[in-house]
C-alpha cells in the first residue's frame, strides 16, 4: 500500500485529537511537521498548536523572552507550557512580534543604506533607474 491519503476526510480529521491528526498527516509523502501544524491551526482551527519549526514563532519568542539566539523546539515547548490550551493564539502573538522586529530592523537598516547611497559620490540612484531616465 501507501500514498494517497488512505481514507482521510475532513470529517475524520475533525473528529481526531491533535496527536492523531499529526500522526495521520505526517505519514503522507511530502508532508512535514510544519505543514501539519499550519493545517491544524488554519484549517481545523485547533486552539492548542505550537509550530516549533516555524521561523517566525522562533524569532518572536526570542524577542519576547530576551533570548540571545533562536530557541530550540524543546525550549519552545518549555516556554509555551503555560500558554496551553491556547498555544495557537500564543504563536500568533509570536508572529506579530517577529513582524514588529523585522519592521524595526528594516527602519534602522534602511536609514544607513540610504545614507550610504547618497554619499557614493555619483548623485544618481541605481543603474537601472539611471538607464530608464536616459531612455525617456
Protein backbone atom coordinates (compact mmCIF):
# COMPACT_ATOMS: atom_id res chain seq x y z
CA UNK A 1 0.00 0.00 0.00
CA UNK A 2 0.98 3.54 0.75
CA UNK A 3 0.25 7.00 -0.51
CA UNK A 4 -2.97 8.65 -1.46
CA UNK A 5 -4.29 9.67 1.95
CA UNK A 6 -5.94 6.33 2.66
CA UNK A 7 -9.44 7.49 3.51
CA UNK A 8 -8.58 10.69 5.33
CA UNK A 9 -11.57 13.01 5.16
CA UNK A 10 -12.42 16.35 6.69
CA UNK A 11 -14.95 14.64 8.92
CA UNK A 12 -12.41 12.09 10.16
CA UNK A 13 -9.71 14.69 10.76
CA UNK A 14 -12.13 16.93 12.65
CA UNK A 15 -13.02 14.03 15.00
CA UNK A 16 -9.41 13.06 15.73
CA UNK A 17 -7.42 14.66 18.55
CA UNK A 18 -4.36 16.77 17.70
CA UNK A 19 -1.86 13.93 18.16
CA UNK A 20 -3.86 11.56 15.93
CA UNK A 21 -4.22 14.25 13.22
CA UNK A 22 -0.48 14.82 13.37
CA UNK A 23 0.29 11.10 13.01
CA UNK A 24 -2.19 10.64 10.16
CA UNK A 25 -0.89 13.60 8.15
CA UNK A 26 2.84 13.27 8.83
CA UNK A 27 2.63 9.76 7.33
CA UNK A 28 1.73 11.27 3.94
CA UNK A 29 4.60 11.62 1.49
CA UNK A 30 5.78 15.21 1.23
CA UNK A 31 4.00 16.44 4.37
CA UNK A 32 6.22 17.64 7.20
CA UNK A 33 5.60 18.82 10.73
CA UNK A 34 5.32 22.50 9.75
CA UNK A 35 2.64 21.73 7.13
CA UNK A 36 0.68 19.64 9.63
CA UNK A 37 0.85 22.40 12.24
CA UNK A 38 -0.38 25.02 9.75
CA UNK A 39 -3.22 22.70 8.68
CA UNK A 40 -4.21 22.15 12.31
CA UNK A 41 -4.12 25.87 13.07
CA UNK A 42 -5.72 27.35 9.98
CA UNK A 43 -7.92 24.61 8.52
CA UNK A 44 -9.01 22.64 11.55
CA UNK A 45 -8.91 25.74 13.81
CA UNK A 46 -7.21 23.85 16.61
CA UNK A 47 -6.55 26.17 19.57
CA UNK A 48 -3.51 24.43 21.09
CA UNK A 49 -0.88 24.06 18.35
CA UNK A 50 2.74 25.17 18.75
CA UNK A 51 4.59 25.10 15.40
CA UNK A 52 8.10 24.52 16.75
CA UNK A 53 9.60 24.53 13.26
CA UNK A 54 8.25 27.95 12.32
CA UNK A 55 10.95 30.60 11.99
CA UNK A 56 8.55 33.47 12.77
CA UNK A 57 7.39 31.88 16.01
CA UNK A 58 11.02 31.20 16.96
CA UNK A 59 12.03 34.81 16.19
CA UNK A 60 9.08 36.18 18.14
CA UNK A 61 9.87 34.02 21.16
CA UNK A 62 13.49 35.12 21.10
CA UNK A 63 12.36 38.76 21.10
CA UNK A 64 9.63 38.48 23.72
CA UNK A 65 11.68 36.34 26.09
CA UNK A 66 15.00 38.17 25.54
CA UNK A 67 16.84 35.13 24.23
CA UNK A 68 20.26 35.67 22.64
CA UNK A 69 19.53 33.03 19.99
CA UNK A 70 16.51 31.35 18.43
CA UNK A 71 15.01 28.77 20.79
CA UNK A 72 15.25 25.05 20.06
CA UNK A 73 12.00 23.09 19.71
CA UNK A 74 12.48 21.77 23.25
CA UNK A 75 12.99 25.30 24.62
CA UNK A 76 9.87 26.46 22.73
CA UNK A 77 7.80 23.69 24.31
CA UNK A 78 9.16 24.69 27.74
CA UNK A 79 8.39 28.39 27.20
CA UNK A 80 4.90 27.73 25.81
CA UNK A 81 3.89 25.23 28.51
CA UNK A 82 1.97 27.94 30.35
CA UNK A 83 0.16 29.04 27.16
CA UNK A 84 -1.92 25.87 26.96
CA UNK A 85 -4.55 25.24 25.89
CA UNK A 86 -4.14 28.32 23.67
CA UNK A 87 -0.74 27.81 22.05
CA UNK A 88 -2.18 28.70 18.63
CA UNK A 89 -3.03 32.17 19.89
CA UNK A 90 0.36 32.46 21.59
CA UNK A 91 2.00 31.53 18.28
CA UNK A 92 0.06 34.26 16.53
CA UNK A 93 1.38 36.77 19.06
CA UNK A 94 4.90 35.50 18.37
CA UNK A 95 4.36 36.07 14.61
CA UNK A 96 3.19 39.58 15.37
CA UNK A 97 6.32 40.20 17.45
CA UNK A 98 8.55 38.77 14.70
CA UNK A 99 6.89 41.12 12.18
CA UNK A 100 7.39 44.06 14.53
CA UNK A 101 11.06 43.19 14.98
CA UNK A 102 11.51 42.83 11.21
CA UNK A 103 9.93 46.24 10.56
CA UNK A 104 12.05 47.79 13.31
CA UNK A 105 15.15 46.25 11.76
CA UNK A 106 14.20 47.47 8.26
CA UNK A 107 13.75 51.01 9.56
CA UNK A 108 17.12 51.10 11.30
CA UNK A 109 18.92 49.38 8.40
CA UNK A 110 17.14 51.47 5.78
CA UNK A 111 18.47 54.73 7.18
CA UNK A 112 22.10 53.62 6.98
CA UNK A 113 21.64 52.21 3.44
CA UNK A 114 20.11 55.46 2.19
CA UNK A 115 22.91 57.49 3.75
CA UNK A 116 25.46 55.19 2.13
CA UNK A 117 23.85 55.60 -1.29
CA UNK A 118 23.80 59.40 -1.04
CA UNK A 119 27.48 59.52 -0.14
CA UNK A 120 28.66 57.39 -3.06
CA UNK A 121 29.60 60.49 -4.99
CA UNK A 122 27.58 59.90 -8.19
CA UNK A 123 24.47 61.78 -7.19
CA UNK A 124 22.37 59.16 -9.00
CA UNK A 125 20.25 56.20 -7.93
CA UNK A 126 20.87 52.65 -9.02
CA UNK A 127 21.97 51.83 -12.60
CA UNK A 128 18.53 50.57 -13.73
CA UNK A 129 16.73 53.79 -12.84
CA UNK A 130 19.54 55.79 -14.48
CA UNK A 131 19.09 53.84 -17.74
CA UNK A 132 15.31 54.36 -17.58
CA UNK A 133 15.81 58.12 -17.23
CA UNK A 134 18.18 58.16 -20.22
CA UNK A 135 15.73 56.27 -22.46
CA UNK A 136 12.76 58.54 -21.82
